[in-house]
C-alpha atoms as a PDB file:
ATOM      1  CA  MET A   1     -14.030  11.993  31.799  1.00  0.00           C
ATOM      2  CA  SER A   2     -13.092   9.538  29.045  1.00  0.00           C
ATOM      3  CA  ARG A   3      -9.515   8.996  27.947  1.00  0.00           C
ATOM      4  CA  VAL A   4      -8.592  10.170  24.455  1.00  0.00           C
ATOM      5  CA  VAL A   5      -6.877   7.526  22.336  1.00  0.00           C
ATOM      6  CA  LYS A   6      -4.706   8.693  19.448  1.00  0.00           C
ATOM      7  CA  CYS A   7      -5.114   6.269  16.543  1.00  0.00           C
ATOM      8  CA  ALA A   8      -3.259   6.606  13.229  1.00  0.00           C
ATOM      9  CA  HIS A   9      -5.021   5.583  10.035  1.00  0.00           C
ATOM     10  CA  ILE A  10      -2.798   4.119   7.304  1.00  0.00           C
ATOM     11  CA  GLN A  11      -4.358   3.477   3.904  1.00  0.00           C
ATOM     12  CA  ALA A  12      -4.133   4.071   0.192  1.00  0.00           C
ATOM     13  CA  SER A  13      -5.925   7.142  -1.066  1.00  0.00           C
ATOM     14  CA  ASN A  14      -8.549   7.261  -3.796  1.00  0.00           C
ATOM     15  CA  ALA A  15      -6.530  10.167  -5.203  1.00  0.00           C
ATOM     16  CA  LYS A  16      -4.435   9.341  -8.227  1.00  0.00           C
ATOM     17  CA  HIS A  17      -1.220   7.571  -7.248  1.00  0.00           C
ATOM     18  CA  ASP A  18       0.730  10.221  -9.124  1.00  0.00           C
ATOM     19  CA  GLY A  19      -0.989  13.076  -7.283  1.00  0.00           C
ATOM     20  CA  THR A  20       1.146  15.377  -5.191  1.00  0.00           C
ATOM     21  CA  PRO A  21       1.568  14.369  -1.537  1.00  0.00           C
ATOM     22  CA  ALA A  22      -0.552  17.360  -0.503  1.00  0.00           C
ATOM     23  CA  GLU A  23      -3.367  16.279  -2.881  1.00  0.00           C
ATOM     24  CA  ILE A  24      -3.213  12.732  -1.539  1.00  0.00           C
ATOM     25  CA  LYS A  25      -3.350  13.881   2.101  1.00  0.00           C
ATOM     26  CA  GLU A  26      -6.225  16.287   1.382  1.00  0.00           C
ATOM     27  CA  ALA A  27      -8.193  13.484  -0.333  1.00  0.00           C
ATOM     28  CA  MET A  28      -7.611  11.272   2.719  1.00  0.00           C
ATOM     29  CA  ILE A  29      -8.804  13.934   5.135  1.00  0.00           C
ATOM     30  CA  GLN A  30     -11.889  14.838   3.080  1.00  0.00           C
ATOM     31  CA  LYS A  31     -12.884  11.203   2.657  1.00  0.00           C
ATOM     32  CA  HIS A  32     -12.745  10.511   6.376  1.00  0.00           C
ATOM     33  CA  ILE A  33     -14.126  13.692   7.951  1.00  0.00           C
ATOM     34  CA  PRO A  34     -17.347  11.933   9.121  1.00  0.00           C
ATOM     35  CA  LEU A  35     -15.309   9.068  10.645  1.00  0.00           C
ATOM     36  CA  ILE A  36     -12.910  11.484  12.333  1.00  0.00           C
ATOM     37  CA  GLU A  37     -15.780  13.529  13.794  1.00  0.00           C
ATOM     38  CA  LYS A  38     -17.669  10.452  15.007  1.00  0.00           C
ATOM     39  CA  ALA A  39     -14.552   8.921  16.556  1.00  0.00           C
ATOM     40  CA  GLY A  40     -13.758  12.202  18.300  1.00  0.00           C
ATOM     41  CA  LYS A  41     -17.116  12.098  20.041  1.00  0.00           C
ATOM     42  CA  LYS A  42     -16.197   8.636  21.362  1.00  0.00           C
ATOM     43  CA  GLY A  43     -12.816   9.761  22.710  1.00  0.00           C
ATOM     44  CA  VAL A  44     -10.717   8.566  19.783  1.00  0.00           C
ATOM     45  CA  ASN A  45      -8.499  11.081  18.031  1.00  0.00           C
ATOM     46  CA  ILE A  46      -7.880   9.793  14.471  1.00  0.00           C
ATOM     47  CA  VAL A  47      -4.529  11.036  13.219  1.00  0.00           C
ATOM     48  CA  VAL A  48      -3.774  11.139   9.503  1.00  0.00           C
ATOM     49  CA  PRO A  49      -0.058  10.467   8.959  1.00  0.00           C
ATOM     50  CA  SER A  50       2.095  13.328   7.718  1.00  0.00           C
ATOM     51  CA  THR A  51       2.275  13.946   3.994  1.00  0.00           C
ATOM     52  CA  GLU A  52       5.720  12.333   3.907  1.00  0.00           C
ATOM     53  CA  MET A  53       4.607   9.232   5.823  1.00  0.00           C
ATOM     54  CA  GLN A  54       1.464   8.931   3.702  1.00  0.00           C
ATOM     55  CA  GLY A  55       3.626   9.088   0.572  1.00  0.00           C
ATOM     56  CA  GLU A  56       5.808   6.278   1.939  1.00  0.00           C
ATOM     57  CA  ALA A  57       2.734   4.190   2.752  1.00  0.00           C
ATOM     58  CA  MET A  58       1.315   4.781  -0.735  1.00  0.00           C
ATOM     59  CA  ALA A  59       4.614   3.718  -2.301  1.00  0.00           C
ATOM     60  CA  ALA A  60       4.674   0.583  -0.121  1.00  0.00           C
ATOM     61  CA  ILE A  61       1.148  -0.305  -1.195  1.00  0.00           C
ATOM     62  CA  TYR A  62       1.441   0.435  -4.909  1.00  0.00           C
ATOM     63  CA  ASP A  63       5.105  -0.336  -5.581  1.00  0.00           C
ATOM     64  CA  HIS A  64       5.435  -3.379  -3.339  1.00  0.00           C
ATOM     65  CA  VAL A  65       2.256  -5.011  -1.996  1.00  0.00           C
ATOM     66  CA  LYS A  66       0.147  -4.683  -5.152  1.00  0.00           C
ATOM     67  CA  ALA A  67       3.169  -5.874  -7.161  1.00  0.00           C
ATOM     68  CA  GLY A  68       3.438  -9.013  -5.014  1.00  0.00           C
ATOM     69  CA  ASP A  69       6.471  -7.904  -2.978  1.00  0.00           C
ATOM     70  CA  LEU A  70       4.875  -8.350   0.445  1.00  0.00           C
ATOM     71  CA  GLN A  71       8.187  -8.317   2.320  1.00  0.00           C
ATOM     72  CA  GLY A  72       9.252  -5.017   0.738  1.00  0.00           C
ATOM     73  CA  GLY A  73       5.845  -3.514   1.491  1.00  0.00           C
ATOM     74  CA  ARG A  74       5.961  -4.835   5.050  1.00  0.00           C
ATOM     75  CA  GLU A  75       9.345  -3.218   5.686  1.00  0.00           C
ATOM     76  CA  VAL A  76       8.114   0.199   4.562  1.00  0.00           C
ATOM     77  CA  ILE A  77       4.766  -0.031   6.399  1.00  0.00           C
ATOM     78  CA  LEU A  78       6.562  -1.144   9.582  1.00  0.00           C
ATOM     79  CA  ARG A  79       8.918   1.833   9.289  1.00  0.00           C
ATOM     80  CA  VAL A  80       5.946   4.223   8.903  1.00  0.00           C
ATOM     81  CA  ALA A  81       4.037   2.573  11.751  1.00  0.00           C
ATOM     82  CA  ASP A  82       7.101   2.655  14.044  1.00  0.00           C
ATOM     83  CA  GLU A  83       7.501   6.371  13.395  1.00  0.00           C
ATOM     84  CA  LEU A  84       3.834   6.928  14.266  1.00  0.00           C
ATOM     85  CA  VAL A  85       4.189   4.921  17.477  1.00  0.00           C
ATOM     86  CA  ASN A  86       7.274   6.972  18.383  1.00  0.00           C
ATOM     87  CA  ASN A  87       5.054  10.069  18.045  1.00  0.00           C
ATOM     88  CA  ASP A  88       2.686   8.905  20.814  1.00  0.00           C
ATOM     89  CA  ILE A  89       0.161   7.091  18.630  1.00  0.00           C
ATOM     90  CA  GLN A  90      -1.633   4.517  20.783  1.00  0.00           C
ATOM     91  CA  ALA A  91      -3.081   2.320  18.023  1.00  0.00           C
ATOM     92  CA  ILE A  92      -2.629   1.776  14.297  1.00  0.00           C
ATOM     93  CA  LEU A  93      -5.697   1.246  12.111  1.00  0.00           C
ATOM     94  CA  CYS A  94      -5.173  -0.739   8.911  1.00  0.00           C
ATOM     95  CA  GLY A  95      -7.186   1.381   6.511  1.00  0.00           C
ATOM     96  CA  CYS A  96      -7.037  -0.868   3.463  1.00  0.00           C
ATOM     97  CA  THR A  97      -6.583  -4.503   2.522  1.00  0.00           C
ATOM     98  CA  GLU A  98      -2.980  -4.073   1.460  1.00  0.00           C
ATOM     99  CA  VAL A  99      -1.956  -2.752   4.872  1.00  0.00           C
ATOM    100  CA  SER A 100      -3.775  -5.669   6.528  1.00  0.00           C
ATOM    101  CA  LEU A 101      -1.706  -8.081   4.439  1.00  0.00           C
ATOM    102  CA  VAL A 102       1.613  -6.839   5.806  1.00  0.00           C
ATOM    103  CA  LEU A 103       0.876  -5.419   9.277  1.00  0.00           C
ATOM    104  CA  LYS A 104      -0.531  -7.564  12.091  1.00  0.00           C
ATOM    105  CA  ASP A 105      -1.317  -7.083  15.749  1.00  0.00           C
ATOM    106  CA  GLY A 106       1.823  -7.971  17.689  1.00  0.00           C
ATOM    107  CA  ASP A 107       4.168  -6.436  15.098  1.00  0.00           C
ATOM    108  CA  LEU A 108       4.422  -3.216  17.113  1.00  0.00           C
ATOM    109  CA  THR A 109       4.458  -2.152  20.742  1.00  0.00           C
ATOM    110  CA  THR A 110       0.980  -0.691  20.238  1.00  0.00           C
ATOM    111  CA  PRO A 111      -2.187  -2.463  19.033  1.00  0.00           C
ATOM    112  CA  VAL A 112      -2.746  -2.892  15.300  1.00  0.00           C
ATOM    113  CA  LEU A 113      -6.460  -2.790  14.494  1.00  0.00           C
ATOM    114  CA  ASP A 114      -7.468  -4.688  11.373  1.00  0.00           C
ATOM    115  CA  PRO A 115     -11.100  -3.984  10.437  1.00  0.00           C
ATOM    116  CA  LEU A 116     -11.133  -7.014   8.111  1.00  0.00           C
ATOM    117  CA  GLN A 117     -10.130  -9.317  10.973  1.00  0.00           C
ATOM    118  CA  VAL A 118     -12.737  -7.798  13.292  1.00  0.00           C
ATOM    119  CA  LEU A 119     -15.428  -8.185  10.625  1.00  0.00           C
ATOM    120  CA  ALA A 120     -14.455 -11.801   9.915  1.00  0.00           C
ATOM    121  CA  GLU A 121     -14.506 -12.710  13.608  1.00  0.00           C
ATOM    122  CA  HIS A 122     -17.925 -11.135  14.113  1.00  0.00           C
ATOM    123  CA  ALA A 123     -19.303 -12.810  10.976  1.00  0.00           C
ATOM    124  CA  VAL A 124     -18.185 -16.222  12.230  1.00  0.00           C
ATOM    125  CA  LYS A 125     -19.669 -15.601  15.691  1.00  0.00           C
ATOM    126  CA  TYR A 126     -22.923 -14.479  14.091  1.00  0.00           C
ATOM    127  CA  ALA A 127     -23.032 -17.511  11.801  1.00  0.00           C
ATOM    128  CA  LEU A 128     -22.462 -19.890  14.722  1.00  0.00           C
ATOM    129  CA  VAL A 129     -25.572 -18.648  16.574  1.00  0.00           C
ATOM    130  CA  LEU A 130     -27.914 -18.953  13.586  1.00  0.00           C
END
């Protein structure tokens, strides 16, 4: 029997930034249903942060990171990520570029998975064998 890994997904939503927290969370869930279902079949339980945490992450992204205040954004994202880790999350997935800018593997006691980093590493490996 495979082990189930709980992984939290932090990202900005395609919903309007001024949408209600419930609208933002619903947009996140609807957008990622195929990913969540596929991951579940592989033993990974994707957890969408609570409405409150998602609102904090959205504020960090829009009010800080996109405005050039990386340190302010980092502080908020770290606070959200720490809360997720304290709720038995075993990995954090950076779901958008802005999160990847302020949250790195090694920042937390649990792995931080950055899809952009993984893609870049694989692209370089692929290019080197051509």
